[in-house]
PDB file of N, CA and C in Angstrom:
ATOM      1  N   UNK A   1      55.038  -4.557  74.780  1.00  0.00           N
ATOM      2  CA  UNK A   1      56.214  -4.457  73.920  1.00  0.00           C
ATOM      3  C   UNK A   1      57.335  -3.781  74.700  1.00  0.00           C
ATOM      4  N   UNK A   2      58.509  -4.344  74.609  1.00  0.00           N
ATOM      5  CA  UNK A   2      59.657  -3.799  75.329  1.00  0.00           C
ATOM      6  C   UNK A   2      60.096  -2.495  74.686  1.00  0.00           C
ATOM      7  N   UNK A   3      60.384  -1.506  75.522  1.00  0.00           N
ATOM      8  CA  UNK A   3      60.796  -0.205  75.020  1.00  0.00           C
ATOM      9  C   UNK A   3      62.286  -0.208  74.723  1.00  0.00           C
ATOM     10  N   UNK A   4      62.644   0.083  73.488  1.00  0.00           N
ATOM     11  CA  UNK A   4      64.053   0.174  73.092  1.00  0.00           C
ATOM     12  C   UNK A   4      64.167   1.377  72.190  1.00  0.00           C
ATOM     13  N   UNK A   5      64.648   2.471  72.715  1.00  0.00           N
ATOM     14  CA  UNK A   5      64.735   3.679  71.897  1.00  0.00           C
ATOM     15  C   UNK A   5      66.076   3.706  71.179  1.00  0.00           C
ATOM     16  N   UNK A   6      67.122   4.024  71.847  1.00  0.00           N
ATOM     17  CA  UNK A   6      68.452   4.002  71.234  1.00  0.00           C
ATOM     18  C   UNK A   6      69.349   2.973  71.894  1.00  0.00           C
ATOM     19  N   UNK A   7      69.309   2.921  73.183  1.00  0.00           N
ATOM     20  CA  UNK A   7      70.145   1.980  73.907  1.00  0.00           C
ATOM     21  C   UNK A   7      69.529   1.782  75.278  1.00  0.00           C
ATOM     22  N   UNK A   8      69.995   0.796  76.015  1.00  0.00           N
ATOM     23  CA  UNK A   8      69.427   0.565  77.344  1.00  0.00           C
ATOM     24  C   UNK A   8      69.511   1.791  78.253  1.00  0.00           C
ATOM     25  N   UNK A   9      70.492   2.643  78.077  1.00  0.00           N
ATOM     26  CA  UNK A   9      70.655   3.805  78.939  1.00  0.00           C
ATOM     27  C   UNK A   9      69.776   4.987  78.571  1.00  0.00           C
ATOM     28  N   UNK A  10      69.096   4.926  77.428  1.00  0.00           N
ATOM     29  CA  UNK A  10      68.267   6.038  76.985  1.00  0.00           C
ATOM     30  C   UNK A  10      66.802   5.668  77.089  1.00  0.00           C
ATOM     31  N   UNK A  11      65.987   6.599  77.483  1.00  0.00           N
ATOM     32  CA  UNK A  11      64.555   6.378  77.616  1.00  0.00           C
ATOM     33  C   UNK A  11      63.812   7.239  76.613  1.00  0.00           C
ATOM     34  N   UNK A  12      62.631   6.765  76.227  1.00  0.00           N
ATOM     35  CA  UNK A  12      61.802   7.522  75.306  1.00  0.00           C
ATOM     36  C   UNK A  12      61.309   8.781  76.009  1.00  0.00           C
ATOM     37  N   UNK A  13      61.568   9.966  75.437  1.00  0.00           N
ATOM     38  CA  UNK A  13      61.139  11.205  76.058  1.00  0.00           C
ATOM     39  C   UNK A  13      59.615  11.327  76.103  1.00  0.00           C
ATOM     40  N   UNK A  14      59.121  12.114  77.040  1.00  0.00           N
ATOM     41  CA  UNK A  14      57.689  12.381  77.131  1.00  0.00           C
ATOM     42  C   UNK A  14      57.202  12.981  75.821  1.00  0.00           C
ATOM     43  N   UNK A  15      55.985  12.628  75.428  1.00  0.00           N
ATOM     44  CA  UNK A  15      55.397  13.193  74.217  1.00  0.00           C
ATOM     45  C   UNK A  15      55.850  12.516  72.942  1.00  0.00           C
ATOM     46  N   UNK A  16      56.618  11.464  73.060  1.00  0.00           N
ATOM     47  CA  UNK A  16      57.085  10.742  71.887  1.00  0.00           C
ATOM     48  C   UNK A  16      56.284   9.458  71.756  1.00  0.00           C
ATOM     49  N   UNK A  17      55.972   9.106  70.549  1.00  0.00           N
ATOM     50  CA  UNK A  17      55.223   7.888  70.322  1.00  0.00           C
ATOM     51  C   UNK A  17      55.971   6.953  69.406  1.00  0.00           C
ATOM     52  N   UNK A  18      55.406   5.778  69.242  1.00  0.00           N
ATOM     53  CA  UNK A  18      55.983   4.813  68.321  1.00  0.00           C
ATOM     54  C   UNK A  18      55.458   5.098  66.925  1.00  0.00           C
ATOM     55  N   UNK A  19      56.269   4.881  65.935  1.00  0.00           N
ATOM     56  CA  UNK A  19      55.881   5.094  64.555  1.00  0.00           C
ATOM     57  C   UNK A  19      55.460   3.760  63.973  1.00  0.00           C
ATOM     58  N   UNK A  20      54.268   3.722  63.416  1.00  0.00           N
ATOM     59  CA  UNK A  20      53.786   2.496  62.807  1.00  0.00           C
ATOM     60  C   UNK A  20      54.710   2.104  61.668  1.00  0.00           C
ATOM     61  N   UNK A  21      55.151   0.865  61.682  1.00  0.00           N
ATOM     62  CA  UNK A  21      56.018   0.370  60.621  1.00  0.00           C
ATOM     63  C   UNK A  21      57.485   0.711  60.817  1.00  0.00           C
ATOM     64  N   UNK A  22      57.824   1.456  61.844  1.00  0.00           N
ATOM     65  CA  UNK A  22      59.228   1.814  62.073  1.00  0.00           C
ATOM     66  C   UNK A  22      59.736   1.060  63.286  1.00  0.00           C
ATOM     67  N   UNK A  23      60.842   0.406  63.110  1.00  0.00           N
ATOM     68  CA  UNK A  23      61.470  -0.350  64.178  1.00  0.00           C
ATOM     69  C   UNK A  23      62.305   0.613  65.019  1.00  0.00           C
ATOM     70  N   UNK A  24      62.448   0.329  66.300  1.00  0.00           N
ATOM     71  CA  UNK A  24      63.319   1.138  67.147  1.00  0.00           C
ATOM     72  C   UNK A  24      64.704   1.193  66.514  1.00  0.00           C
ATOM     73  N   UNK A  25      65.360   2.321  66.656  1.00  0.00           N
ATOM     74  CA  UNK A  25      66.686   2.465  66.077  1.00  0.00           C
ATOM     75  C   UNK A  25      67.631   1.432  66.684  1.00  0.00           C
ATOM     76  N   UNK A  26      68.372   0.793  65.842  1.00  0.00           N
ATOM     77  CA  UNK A  26      69.328  -0.212  66.279  1.00  0.00           C
ATOM     78  C   UNK A  26      70.736   0.325  66.089  1.00  0.00           C
ATOM     79  N   UNK A  27      71.533   0.218  67.118  1.00  0.00           N
ATOM     80  CA  UNK A  27      72.937   0.607  66.993  1.00  0.00           C
ATOM     81  C   UNK A  27      73.785  -0.577  67.431  1.00  0.00           C
ATOM     82  N   UNK A  28      74.994  -0.680  66.898  1.00  0.00           N
ATOM     83  CA  UNK A  28      75.862  -1.794  67.272  1.00  0.00           C
ATOM     84  C   UNK A  28      76.104  -1.815  68.783  1.00  0.00           C
ATOM     85  N   UNK A  29      76.238  -3.026  69.319  1.00  0.00           N
ATOM     86  CA  UNK A  29      76.425  -3.189  70.761  1.00  0.00           C
ATOM     87  C   UNK A  29      77.623  -2.413  71.289  1.00  0.00           C
ATOM     88  N   UNK A  30      78.705  -2.352  70.488  1.00  0.00           N
ATOM     89  CA  UNK A  30      79.894  -1.666  70.966  1.00  0.00           C
ATOM     90  C   UNK A  30      79.675  -0.159  71.130  1.00  0.00           C
ATOM     91  N   UNK A  31      78.613   0.389  70.509  1.00  0.00           N
ATOM     92  CA  UNK A  31      78.311   1.807  70.647  1.00  0.00           C
ATOM     93  C   UNK A  31      77.201   2.086  71.653  1.00  0.00           C
ATOM     94  N   UNK A  32      76.431   1.066  72.013  1.00  0.00           N
ATOM     95  CA  UNK A  32      75.242   1.264  72.847  1.00  0.00           C
ATOM     96  C   UNK A  32      75.575   1.922  74.188  1.00  0.00           C
ATOM     97  N   UNK A  33      76.593   1.445  74.855  1.00  0.00           N
ATOM     98  CA  UNK A  33      76.940   1.996  76.163  1.00  0.00           C
ATOM     99  C   UNK A  33      77.367   3.452  76.041  1.00  0.00           C
ATOM    100  N   UNK A  34      78.221   3.736  75.073  1.00  0.00           N
ATOM    101  CA  UNK A  34      78.685   5.113  74.891  1.00  0.00           C
ATOM    102  C   UNK A  34      77.556   6.026  74.434  1.00  0.00           C
ATOM    103  N   UNK A  35      76.644   5.517  73.609  1.00  0.00           N
ATOM    104  CA  UNK A  35      75.520   6.333  73.134  1.00  0.00           C
ATOM    105  C   UNK A  35      74.671   6.805  74.299  1.00  0.00           C
ATOM    106  N   UNK A  36      74.523   5.968  75.314  1.00  0.00           N
ATOM    107  CA  UNK A  36      73.751   6.346  76.488  1.00  0.00           C
ATOM    108  C   UNK A  36      74.396   7.454  77.292  1.00  0.00           C
ATOM    109  N   UNK A  37      75.670   7.704  77.076  1.00  0.00           N
ATOM    110  CA  UNK A  37      76.401   8.729  77.825  1.00  0.00           C
ATOM    111  C   UNK A  37      76.517  10.052  77.072  1.00  0.00           C
ATOM    112  N   UNK A  38      76.115  10.083  75.822  1.00  0.00           N
ATOM    113  CA  UNK A  38      76.262  11.295  75.013  1.00  0.00           C
ATOM    114  C   UNK A  38      75.121  12.262  75.336  1.00  0.00           C
ATOM    115  N   UNK A  39      75.453  13.423  75.883  1.00  0.00           N
ATOM    116  CA  UNK A  39      74.411  14.388  76.225  1.00  0.00           C
ATOM    117  C   UNK A  39      73.685  14.895  74.974  1.00  0.00           C
ATOM    118  N   UNK A  40      72.368  14.920  75.045  1.00  0.00           N
ATOM    119  CA  UNK A  40      71.573  15.492  73.959  1.00  0.00           C
ATOM    120  C   UNK A  40      71.431  14.624  72.726  1.00  0.00           C
ATOM    121  N   UNK A  41      71.868  13.369  72.788  1.00  0.00           N
ATOM    122  CA  UNK A  41      71.822  12.521  71.596  1.00  0.00           C
ATOM    123  C   UNK A  41      70.393  12.312  71.101  1.00  0.00           C
ATOM    124  N   UNK A  42      69.461  12.059  72.023  1.00  0.00           N
ATOM    125  CA  UNK A  42      68.067  11.862  71.604  1.00  0.00           C
ATOM    126  C   UNK A  42      67.548  13.066  70.833  1.00  0.00           C
ATOM    127  N   UNK A  43      67.854  14.271  71.310  1.00  0.00           N
ATOM    128  CA  UNK A  43      67.381  15.488  70.648  1.00  0.00           C
ATOM    129  C   UNK A  43      67.962  15.610  69.244  1.00  0.00           C
ATOM    130  N   UNK A  44      69.259  15.327  69.109  1.00  0.00           N
ATOM    131  CA  UNK A  44      69.890  15.438  67.787  1.00  0.00           C
ATOM    132  C   UNK A  44      69.362  14.391  66.823  1.00  0.00           C
ATOM    133  N   UNK A  45      69.133  13.182  67.318  1.00  0.00           N
ATOM    134  CA  UNK A  45      68.584  12.125  66.456  1.00  0.00           C
ATOM    135  C   UNK A  45      67.167  12.492  66.037  1.00  0.00           C
ATOM    136  N   UNK A  46      66.359  12.991  66.976  1.00  0.00           N
ATOM    137  CA  UNK A  46      64.991  13.403  66.651  1.00  0.00           C
ATOM    138  C   UNK A  46      64.995  14.537  65.625  1.00  0.00           C
ATOM    139  N   UNK A  47      65.925  15.493  65.770  1.00  0.00           N
ATOM    140  CA  UNK A  47      66.032  16.589  64.803  1.00  0.00           C
ATOM    141  C   UNK A  47      66.402  16.059  63.417  1.00  0.00           C
ATOM    142  N   UNK A  48      67.332  15.123  63.376  1.00  0.00           N
ATOM    143  CA  UNK A  48      67.720  14.518  62.102  1.00  0.00           C
ATOM    144  C   UNK A  48      66.519  13.841  61.457  1.00  0.00           C
ATOM    145  N   UNK A  49      65.739  13.094  62.235  1.00  0.00           N
ATOM    146  CA  UNK A  49      64.569  12.400  61.685  1.00  0.00           C
ATOM    147  C   UNK A  49      63.544  13.411  61.182  1.00  0.00           C
ATOM    148  N   UNK A  50      63.338  14.509  61.933  1.00  0.00           N
ATOM    149  CA  UNK A  50      62.407  15.550  61.467  1.00  0.00           C
ATOM    150  C   UNK A  50      62.846  16.111  60.115  1.00  0.00           C
ATOM    151  N   UNK A  51      64.138  16.386  59.980  1.00  0.00           N
ATOM    152  CA  UNK A  51      64.653  16.912  58.710  1.00  0.00           C
ATOM    153  C   UNK A  51      64.466  15.909  57.573  1.00  0.00           C
ATOM    154  N   UNK A  52      64.724  14.635  57.845  1.00  0.00           N
ATOM    155  CA  UNK A  52      64.541  13.604  56.825  1.00  0.00           C
ATOM    156  C   UNK A  52      63.076  13.501  56.402  1.00  0.00           C
ATOM    157  N   UNK A  53      62.169  13.578  57.374  1.00  0.00           N
ATOM    158  CA  UNK A  53      60.731  13.519  57.063  1.00  0.00           C
ATOM    159  C   UNK A  53      60.339  14.720  56.207  1.00  0.00           C
ATOM    160  N   UNK A  54      60.848  15.896  56.544  1.00  0.00           N
ATOM    161  CA  UNK A  54      60.523  17.088  55.770  1.00  0.00           C
ATOM    162  C   UNK A  54      61.068  16.986  54.342  1.00  0.00           C
ATOM    163  N   UNK A  55      62.288  16.477  54.191  1.00  0.00           N
ATOM    164  CA  UNK A  55      62.834  16.285  52.843  1.00  0.00           C
ATOM    165  C   UNK A  55      61.988  15.292  52.057  1.00  0.00           C
ATOM    166  N   UNK A  56      61.535  14.240  52.716  1.00  0.00           N
ATOM    167  CA  UNK A  56      60.686  13.251  52.065  1.00  0.00           C
ATOM    168  C   UNK A  56      59.395  13.907  51.584  1.00  0.00           C
ATOM    169  N   UNK A  57      58.776  14.719  52.440  1.00  0.00           N
ATOM    170  CA  UNK A  57      57.541  15.423  52.050  1.00  0.00           C
ATOM    171  C   UNK A  57      57.781  16.317  50.847  1.00  0.00           C
ATOM    172  N   UNK A  58      58.911  17.026  50.857  1.00  0.00           N
ATOM    173  CA  UNK A  58      59.223  17.923  49.729  1.00  0.00           C
ATOM    174  C   UNK A  58      59.397  17.130  48.440  1.00  0.00           C
ATOM    175  N   UNK A  59      60.063  15.988  48.519  1.00  0.00           N
ATOM    176  CA  UNK A  59      60.237  15.164  47.316  1.00  0.00           C
ATOM    177  C   UNK A  59      58.890  14.669  46.810  1.00  0.00           C
ATOM    178  N   UNK A  60      58.003  14.306  47.734  1.00  0.00           N
ATOM    179  CA  UNK A  60      56.685  13.821  47.336  1.00  0.00           C
ATOM    180  C   UNK A  60      55.905  14.906  46.601  1.00  0.00           C
ATOM    181  N   UNK A  61      56.078  16.156  47.011  1.00  0.00           N
ATOM    182  CA  UNK A  61      55.388  17.276  46.360  1.00  0.00           C
ATOM    183  C   UNK A  61      56.075  17.668  45.057  1.00  0.00           C
ATOM    184  N   UNK A  62      57.394  17.556  45.025  1.00  0.00           N
ATOM    185  CA  UNK A  62      58.176  18.058  43.903  1.00  0.00           C
ATOM    186  C   UNK A  62      58.112  17.154  42.675  1.00  0.00           C
ATOM    187  N   UNK A  63      58.098  15.848  42.881  1.00  0.00           N
ATOM    188  CA  UNK A  63      58.182  14.914  41.770  1.00  0.00           C
ATOM    189  C   UNK A  63      56.850  14.239  41.500  1.00  0.00           C
ATOM    190  N   UNK A  64      56.631  13.910  40.251  1.00  0.00           N
ATOM    191  CA  UNK A  64      55.381  13.257  39.863  1.00  0.00           C
ATOM    192  C   UNK A  64      55.348  11.831  40.409  1.00  0.00           C
ATOM    193  N   UNK A  65      54.140  11.269  40.556  1.00  0.00           N
ATOM    194  CA  UNK A  65      54.038   9.877  41.007  1.00  0.00           C
ATOM    195  C   UNK A  65      54.798   8.913  40.091  1.00  0.00           C
ATOM    196  N   UNK A  66      54.818   9.195  38.792  1.00  0.00           N
ATOM    197  CA  UNK A  66      55.546   8.319  37.859  1.00  0.00           C
ATOM    198  C   UNK A  66      57.045   8.354  38.142  1.00  0.00           C
ATOM    199  N   UNK A  67      57.575   9.529  38.429  1.00  0.00           N
ATOM    200  CA  UNK A  67      59.002   9.662  38.738  1.00  0.00           C
ATOM    201  C   UNK A  67      59.331   8.946  40.036  1.00  0.00           C
ATOM    202  N   UNK A  68      58.497   9.140  41.050  1.00  0.00           N
ATOM    203  CA  UNK A  68      58.723   8.470  42.336  1.00  0.00           C
ATOM    204  C   UNK A  68      58.646   6.958  42.189  1.00  0.00           C
ATOM    205  N   UNK A  69      57.732   6.477  41.346  1.00  0.00           N
ATOM    206  CA  UNK A  69      57.633   5.036  41.099  1.00  0.00           C
ATOM    207  C   UNK A  69      58.883   4.523  40.397  1.00  0.00           C
ATOM    208  N   UNK A  70      59.379   5.278  39.427  1.00  0.00           N
ATOM    209  CA  UNK A  70      60.600   4.893  38.711  1.00  0.00           C
ATOM    210  C   UNK A  70      61.783   4.799  39.678  1.00  0.00           C
ATOM    211  N   UNK A  71      61.908   5.756  40.573  1.00  0.00           N
ATOM    212  CA  UNK A  71      62.994   5.745  41.553  1.00  0.00           C
ATOM    213  C   UNK A  71      62.860   4.544  42.483  1.00  0.00           C
ATOM    214  N   UNK A  72      61.641   4.269  42.930  1.00  0.00           N
ATOM    215  CA  UNK A  72      61.416   3.119  43.823  1.00  0.00           C
ATOM    216  C   UNK A  72      61.781   1.813  43.123  1.00  0.00           C
ATOM    217  N   UNK A  73      61.386   1.680  41.854  1.00  0.00           N
ATOM    218  CA  UNK A  73      61.728   0.460  41.116  1.00  0.00           C
ATOM    219  C   UNK A  73      63.229   0.351  40.891  1.00  0.00           C
ATOM    220  N   UNK A  74      63.897   1.474  40.611  1.00  0.00           N
ATOM    221  CA  UNK A  74      65.353   1.459  40.426  1.00  0.00           C
ATOM    222  C   UNK A  74      66.049   1.057  41.717  1.00  0.00           C
ATOM    223  N   UNK A  75      65.552   1.565  42.838  1.00  0.00           N
ATOM    224  CA  UNK A  75      66.148   1.217  44.134  1.00  0.00           C
ATOM    225  C   UNK A  75      65.973  -0.277  44.420  1.00  0.00           C
ATOM    226  N   UNK A  76      64.782  -0.811  44.139  1.00  0.00           N
ATOM    227  CA  UNK A  76      64.544  -2.249  44.338  1.00  0.00           C
ATOM    228  C   UNK A  76      65.461  -3.073  43.437  1.00  0.00           C
ATOM    229  N   UNK A  77      65.633  -2.636  42.205  1.00  0.00           N
ATOM    230  CA  UNK A  77      66.503  -3.331  41.260  1.00  0.00           C
ATOM    231  C   UNK A  77      67.951  -3.313  41.752  1.00  0.00           C
ATOM    232  N   UNK A  78      68.389  -2.166  42.255  1.00  0.00           N
ATOM    233  CA  UNK A  78      69.757  -2.051  42.787  1.00  0.00           C
ATOM    234  C   UNK A  78      69.933  -2.967  43.995  1.00  0.00           C
ATOM    235  N   UNK A  79      68.918  -3.030  44.866  1.00  0.00           N
ATOM    236  CA  UNK A  79      68.996  -3.914  46.034  1.00  0.00           C
ATOM    237  C   UNK A  79      69.107  -5.374  45.607  1.00  0.00           C
ATOM    238  N   UNK A  80      68.343  -5.753  44.584  1.00  0.00           N
ATOM    239  CA  UNK A  80      68.428  -7.137  44.074  1.00  0.00           C
ATOM    240  C   UNK A  80      69.814  -7.431  43.513  1.00  0.00           C
ATOM    241  N   UNK A  81      70.375  -6.484  42.767  1.00  0.00           N
ATOM    242  CA  UNK A  81      71.716  -6.676  42.211  1.00  0.00           C
ATOM    243  C   UNK A  81      72.758  -6.817  43.320  1.00  0.00           C
ATOM    244  N   UNK A  82      72.664  -5.955  44.338  1.00  0.00           N
ATOM    245  CA  UNK A  82      73.604  -6.042  45.456  1.00  0.00           C
ATOM    246  C   UNK A  82      73.490  -7.390  46.163  1.00  0.00           C
ATOM    247  N   UNK A  83      72.249  -7.843  46.376  1.00  0.00           N
ATOM    248  CA  UNK A  83      72.031  -9.130  47.046  1.00  0.00           C
ATOM    249  C   UNK A  83      72.605 -10.284  46.218  1.00  0.00           C
ATOM    250  N   UNK A  84      72.630 -10.118  44.912  1.00  0.00           N
ATOM    251  CA  UNK A  84      73.156 -11.149  44.024  1.00  0.00           C
ATOM    252  C   UNK A  84      74.674 -11.066  43.878  1.00  0.00           C
ATOM    253  N   UNK A  85      75.299 -10.080  44.561  1.00  0.00           N
ATOM    254  CA  UNK A  85      76.753  -9.991  44.532  1.00  0.00           C
ATOM    255  C   UNK A  85      77.309  -9.010  43.514  1.00  0.00           C
ATOM    256  N   UNK A  86      76.468  -8.170  42.937  1.00  0.00           N
ATOM    257  CA  UNK A  86      76.913  -7.161  41.982  1.00  0.00           C
ATOM    258  C   UNK A  86      77.907  -6.229  42.662  1.00  0.00           C
ATOM    259  N   UNK A  87      79.071  -6.044  42.058  1.00  0.00           N
ATOM    260  CA  UNK A  87      80.101  -5.170  42.622  1.00  0.00           C
ATOM    261  C   UNK A  87      80.251  -3.948  41.727  1.00  0.00           C
ATOM    262  N   UNK A  88      79.708  -2.844  42.166  1.00  0.00           N
ATOM    263  CA  UNK A  88      79.696  -1.628  41.373  1.00  0.00           C
ATOM    264  C   UNK A  88      81.104  -1.142  41.035  1.00  0.00           C
ATOM    265  N   UNK A  89      82.020  -1.247  41.991  1.00  0.00           N
ATOM    266  CA  UNK A  89      83.387  -0.764  41.763  1.00  0.00           C
ATOM    267  C   UNK A  89      84.078  -1.540  40.649  1.00  0.00           C
ATOM    268  N   UNK A  90      83.910  -2.864  40.654  1.00  0.00           N
ATOM    269  CA  UNK A  90      84.584  -3.648  39.617  1.00  0.00           C
ATOM    270  C   UNK A  90      83.980  -3.359  38.245  1.00  0.00           C
ATOM    271  N   UNK A  91      82.661  -3.153  38.188  1.00  0.00           N
ATOM    272  CA  UNK A  91      82.021  -2.817  36.909  1.00  0.00           C
ATOM    273  C   UNK A  91      82.480  -1.435  36.454  1.00  0.00           C
ATOM    274  N   UNK A  92      82.573  -0.478  37.376  1.00  0.00           N
ATOM    275  CA  UNK A  92      83.033   0.868  37.020  1.00  0.00           C
ATOM    276  C   UNK A  92      84.462   0.816  36.481  1.00  0.00           C
ATOM    277  N   UNK A  93      85.305   0.008  37.094  1.00  0.00           N
ATOM    278  CA  UNK A  93      86.693  -0.150  36.632  1.00  0.00           C
ATOM    279  C   UNK A  93      86.709  -0.766  35.234  1.00  0.00           C
ATOM    280  N   UNK A  94      85.860  -1.761  35.026  1.00  0.00           N
ATOM    281  CA  UNK A  94      85.783  -2.418  33.720  1.00  0.00           C
ATOM    282  C   UNK A  94      85.306  -1.442  32.638  1.00  0.00           C
ATOM    283  N   UNK A  95      84.284  -0.648  32.949  1.00  0.00           N
ATOM    284  CA  UNK A  95      83.759   0.327  31.983  1.00  0.00           C
ATOM    285  C   UNK A  95      84.804   1.399  31.701  1.00  0.00           C
ATOM    286  N   UNK A  96      85.496   1.871  32.725  1.00  0.00           N
ATOM    287  CA  UNK A  96      86.536   2.886  32.525  1.00  0.00           C
ATOM    288  C   UNK A  96      87.635   2.344  31.622  1.00  0.00           C
ATOM    289  N   UNK A  97      88.006   1.091  31.828  1.00  0.00           N
ATOM    290  CA  UNK A  97      89.023   0.478  30.976  1.00  0.00           C
ATOM    291  C   UNK A  97      88.553   0.376  29.540  1.00  0.00           C
ATOM    292  N   UNK A  98      87.297  -0.010  29.350  1.00  0.00           N
ATOM    293  CA  UNK A  98      86.749  -0.108  27.992  1.00  0.00           C
ATOM    294  C   UNK A  98      86.719   1.265  27.327  1.00  0.00           C
ATOM    295  N   UNK A  99      86.347   2.295  28.067  1.00  0.00           N
ATOM    296  CA  UNK A  99      86.341   3.652  27.504  1.00  0.00           C
ATOM    297  C   UNK A  99      87.752   4.105  27.150  1.00  0.00           C
ATOM    298  N   UNK A 100      88.711   3.788  28.000  1.00  0.00           N
ATOM    299  CA  UNK A 100      90.105   4.127  27.686  1.00  0.00           C
ATOM    300  C   UNK A 100      90.539   3.445  26.401  1.00  0.00           C
ATOM    301  N   UNK A 101      90.161   2.173  26.261  1.00  0.00           N
ATOM    302  CA  UNK A 101      90.516   1.435  25.041  1.00  0.00           C
ATOM    303  C   UNK A 101      89.875   2.080  23.815  1.00  0.00           C
ATOM    304  N   UNK A 102      88.597   2.481  23.936  1.00  0.00           N
ATOM    305  CA  UNK A 102      87.905   3.095  22.808  1.00  0.00           C
ATOM    306  C   UNK A 102      88.526   4.433  22.425  1.00  0.00           C
ATOM    307  N   UNK A 103      88.843   5.233  23.418  1.00  0.00           N
ATOM    308  CA  UNK A 103      89.433   6.530  23.116  1.00  0.00           C
ATOM    309  C   UNK A 103      90.844   6.374  22.551  1.00  0.00           C
ATOM    310  N   UNK A 104      91.576   5.361  23.018  1.00  0.00           N
ATOM    311  CA  UNK A 104      92.918   5.096  22.480  1.00  0.00           C
ATOM    312  C   UNK A 104      92.825   4.670  21.025  1.00  0.00           C
ATOM    313  N   UNK A 105      91.844   3.831  20.719  1.00  0.00           N
ATOM    314  CA  UNK A 105      91.663   3.381  19.344  1.00  0.00           C
ATOM    315  C   UNK A 105      91.273   4.516  18.428  1.00  0.00           C
ATOM    316  N   UNK A 106      90.451   5.458  18.927  1.00  0.00           N
ATOM    317  CA  UNK A 106      90.020   6.580  18.081  1.00  0.00           C
ATOM    318  C   UNK A 106      91.155   7.554  17.815  1.00  0.00           C
ATOM    319  N   UNK A 107      92.167   7.568  18.681  1.00  0.00           N
ATOM    320  CA  UNK A 107      93.319   8.446  18.459  1.00  0.00           C
ATOM    321  C   UNK A 107      94.287   7.851  17.435  1.00  0.00           C
ATOM    322  N   UNK A 108      94.237   6.539  17.273  1.00  0.00           N
ATOM    323  CA  UNK A 108      95.181   5.873  16.353  1.00  0.00           C
ATOM    324  C   UNK A 108      94.875   6.131  14.901  1.00  0.00           C
TER     325      UNK A 108
END
């Protein structure tokens, strides 16, 4: 398997392994060259991933399996809506307008 950590200019540090189910980080081509020149980028990215993993562990301990399942299903539902072209901003604008109309009517 070809090694691709962050960009062609960056190499996987010693003591680092591949994560099962995780794809190498992908960055846009226009950033790849510059990313290879940023000192300490691998360390900062690794630190960010460690923090994200720790937050994930805390959420797993903090919330019940039913709550985590509900969140996962809501996220899947939101992804399906986005894929179908759901535009949250236009719906929010529409709802705000409807609320304005309702409050205006109640003042009359």
